[in-house]
Protein backbone atom coordinates (compact mmCIF):
# COMPACT_ATOMS: atom_id res chain seq x y z
CA UNK A 1 -65.74 -103.10 20.95
CA UNK A 2 -64.58 -106.74 21.35
CA UNK A 3 -66.02 -108.11 24.57
CA UNK A 4 -66.20 -111.81 25.52
CA UNK A 5 -67.58 -113.41 28.71
CA UNK A 6 -66.60 -116.99 29.53
CA UNK A 7 -67.19 -119.26 32.55
CA UNK A 8 -64.17 -119.61 34.75
CA UNK A 9 -63.03 -123.22 34.98
CA UNK A 10 -60.99 -124.84 37.85
CA UNK A 11 -57.93 -124.92 35.74
CA UNK A 12 -58.03 -121.15 35.57
CA UNK A 13 -57.76 -120.74 39.34
CA UNK A 14 -54.38 -119.00 39.14
CA UNK A 15 -55.86 -116.38 36.77
CA UNK A 16 -58.78 -115.98 39.11
CA UNK A 17 -56.44 -115.44 42.08
CA UNK A 18 -54.38 -112.94 40.23
CA UNK A 19 -57.32 -110.78 39.01
CA UNK A 20 -59.10 -111.04 42.35
CA UNK A 21 -56.09 -109.75 44.28
CA UNK A 22 -55.29 -107.01 41.73
CA UNK A 23 -58.78 -105.64 41.43
CA UNK A 24 -59.61 -105.85 45.09
CA UNK A 25 -56.29 -104.19 46.11
CA UNK A 26 -56.56 -101.49 43.56
CA UNK A 27 -60.15 -100.66 44.58
CA UNK A 28 -59.60 -100.57 48.37
CA UNK A 29 -56.00 -100.06 49.14
CA UNK A 30 -56.26 -96.30 49.79
CA UNK A 31 -59.00 -96.73 52.47
CA UNK A 32 -57.50 -99.70 54.41
CA UNK A 33 -54.36 -100.33 56.26
CA UNK A 34 -51.64 -102.51 54.63
CA UNK A 35 -52.04 -105.14 57.38
CA UNK A 36 -55.78 -105.44 57.04
CA UNK A 37 -55.53 -105.59 53.31
CA UNK A 38 -52.89 -108.30 53.37
CA UNK A 39 -54.90 -110.38 55.89
CA UNK A 40 -58.06 -110.13 53.77
CA UNK A 41 -56.44 -110.93 50.40
CA UNK A 42 -54.64 -113.96 52.00
CA UNK A 43 -57.96 -115.28 53.47
CA UNK A 44 -60.34 -114.47 50.62
CA UNK A 45 -58.24 -115.30 47.64
CA UNK A 46 -55.95 -118.14 48.58
CA UNK A 47 -56.03 -121.08 46.15
CA UNK A 48 -57.91 -123.42 48.42
CA UNK A 49 -60.69 -120.86 48.97
CA UNK A 50 -61.03 -120.09 45.28
CA UNK A 51 -61.04 -123.84 44.41
CA UNK A 52 -63.90 -124.30 46.90
CA UNK A 53 -65.78 -121.37 45.27
CA UNK A 54 -65.37 -122.83 41.81
CA UNK A 55 -66.55 -126.25 43.01
CA UNK A 56 -69.74 -124.87 44.64
CA UNK A 57 -72.60 -125.73 42.36
CA UNK A 58 -74.53 -122.74 43.83
CA UNK A 59 -71.87 -120.24 42.67
CA UNK A 60 -70.81 -119.25 39.18
CA UNK A 61 -67.73 -117.19 38.13
CA UNK A 62 -67.23 -115.60 34.72
CA UNK A 63 -64.26 -113.72 33.24
CA UNK A 64 -64.77 -110.74 30.91
CA UNK A 65 -62.24 -110.17 28.16
CA UNK A 66 -61.77 -106.84 26.39
CA UNK A 67 -59.91 -107.15 23.02
CA UNK A 68 -58.69 -110.63 24.15
CA UNK A 69 -57.27 -109.37 27.52
CA UNK A 70 -58.70 -110.60 30.82
CA UNK A 71 -60.28 -107.36 32.10
CA UNK A 72 -62.48 -108.45 35.09
CA UNK A 73 -64.84 -110.92 36.49
CA UNK A 74 -68.26 -111.68 38.02
CA UNK A 75 -69.16 -114.00 40.84
CA UNK A 76 -72.82 -114.89 41.63
CA UNK A 77 -74.24 -117.02 44.42
CA UNK A 78 -77.59 -118.71 44.78
CA UNK A 79 -79.28 -120.76 47.47
CA UNK A 80 -76.94 -121.64 50.44
CA UNK A 81 -73.93 -120.04 48.79
CA UNK A 82 -75.41 -116.59 49.30
CA UNK A 83 -73.46 -114.61 52.03
CA UNK A 84 -76.85 -113.53 53.63
CA UNK A 85 -79.95 -115.62 53.79
CA UNK A 86 -82.15 -113.85 51.16
CA UNK A 87 -84.30 -116.80 50.14
CA UNK A 88 -84.77 -119.13 47.16
CA UNK A 89 -86.06 -116.27 44.93
CA UNK A 90 -82.76 -114.38 45.29
CA UNK A 91 -79.35 -114.40 43.72
CA UNK A 92 -76.35 -112.54 45.10
CA UNK A 93 -73.78 -110.70 42.98
CA UNK A 94 -70.80 -111.20 45.25
CA UNK A 95 -68.21 -109.65 43.06
CA UNK A 96 -68.17 -107.44 39.95
CA UNK A 97 -64.56 -106.33 39.51
CA UNK A 98 -62.85 -104.72 36.55
CA UNK A 99 -59.22 -103.89 36.27
CA UNK A 100 -58.43 -100.22 36.51
CA UNK A 101 -57.03 -100.08 33.01
CA UNK A 102 -60.33 -101.40 31.60
CA UNK A 103 -62.83 -99.24 33.51
CA UNK A 104 -64.94 -96.77 31.78
CA UNK A 105 -65.57 -99.13 28.81
CA UNK A 106 -68.97 -100.45 29.97
CA UNK A 107 -67.58 -103.75 31.16
CA UNK A 108 -69.35 -103.52 34.54
CA UNK A 109 -72.66 -103.18 32.68
CA UNK A 110 -71.85 -106.29 30.51
CA UNK A 111 -71.08 -108.23 33.75
CA UNK A 112 -74.31 -107.05 35.36
CA UNK A 113 -76.35 -108.01 32.28
CA UNK A 114 -74.65 -111.49 32.49
CA UNK A 115 -75.85 -111.63 36.14
CA UNK A 116 -79.35 -110.76 35.07
CA UNK A 117 -79.29 -113.37 32.41
CA UNK A 118 -78.24 -116.01 35.03
CA UNK A 119 -80.94 -114.78 37.39
CA UNK A 120 -83.50 -115.31 34.54
CA UNK A 121 -82.20 -118.78 33.71
CA UNK A 122 -82.30 -119.76 37.38
CA UNK A 123 -85.76 -118.20 37.89
CA UNK A 124 -84.47 -115.73 40.52
CA UNK A 125 -86.64 -112.59 40.88
CA UNK A 126 -84.35 -110.61 43.20
CA UNK A 127 -80.70 -109.79 42.50
CA UNK A 128 -78.89 -108.32 45.50
CA UNK A 129 -75.35 -107.30 46.41
CA UNK A 130 -73.42 -105.68 49.23
CA UNK A 131 -71.43 -102.62 48.39
CA UNK A 132 -69.20 -100.66 50.77
CA UNK A 133 -70.78 -97.53 51.98
CA UNK A 134 -67.70 -95.60 51.00
CA UNK A 135 -67.57 -96.91 47.40
CA UNK A 136 -69.48 -94.01 45.93
CA UNK A 137 -68.77 -94.83 42.29
CA UNK A 138 -70.07 -98.38 42.67
CA UNK A 139 -73.18 -97.19 44.52
CA UNK A 140 -73.98 -94.67 41.88
CA UNK A 141 -73.48 -97.34 39.14
CA UNK A 142 -75.86 -99.76 40.85
CA UNK A 143 -78.48 -97.09 41.39
CA UNK A 144 -78.30 -96.27 37.66
CA UNK A 145 -78.79 -99.95 36.96
CA UNK A 146 -81.97 -100.06 38.98
CA UNK A 147 -80.74 -101.25 42.42
CA UNK A 148 -82.32 -99.77 45.57
CA UNK A 149 -80.67 -99.82 49.05
CA UNK A 150 -82.56 -102.11 51.36
CA UNK A 151 -80.43 -102.46 54.39
CA UNK A 152 -76.82 -102.99 55.44
CA UNK A 153 -74.60 -105.66 56.95
CA UNK A 154 -71.16 -105.81 58.40
CA UNK A 155 -68.06 -106.71 56.45
CA UNK A 156 -64.69 -107.32 58.09
CA UNK A 157 -61.43 -105.98 56.53
CA UNK A 158 -59.01 -107.60 58.79
CA UNK A 159 -59.87 -106.38 62.25
CA UNK A 160 -61.86 -103.41 60.94
CA UNK A 161 -65.62 -103.64 60.95
CA UNK A 162 -67.07 -101.85 57.87
CA UNK A 163 -70.61 -101.45 56.61
CA UNK A 164 -71.84 -102.64 53.26
CA UNK A 165 -75.15 -101.35 51.95
CA UNK A 166 -77.40 -104.13 50.68
CA UNK A 167 -78.87 -103.10 47.29
CA UNK A 168 -81.62 -105.11 45.60
CA UNK A 169 -82.96 -105.17 42.02
CA UNK A 170 -86.25 -106.88 41.51
CA UNK A 171 -87.21 -108.15 38.03
CA UNK A 172 -89.55 -110.62 36.50
């Protein structure tokens, strides 16, 4: 299996935008209105927003390639870039997305292992993420990987308030 993970650079922002929109839309389109989906995609994945994310020194974004094709990506946040205040010992996995055509090849696990590697390099002892309460496949995956639910927070998809479970993995 040919898998390669590379850091996303500012000159790859158009690729980041395309994969962000594709993977988010494919994952959540069936459970959300077209209007709420369109509003969220325009706000979260516009070029200015993605350029800010790439420029933030407390965030890192990585692409994963499967047989030379861009298959998914990982975004991690530390310090003040975290979407919830979880402390200096924590690192957030904000996004792990894999294109539908590349799922079931273990790429999510590769990205999660990359996140753990980054956490180790940065001396972060807690890795956390928010996962939509209705995303049963993702919840099951994170549980298999050692994450435990430790709370919840609100996530807005357009005008709809949704609940994300906060899941945490502690490691040394």
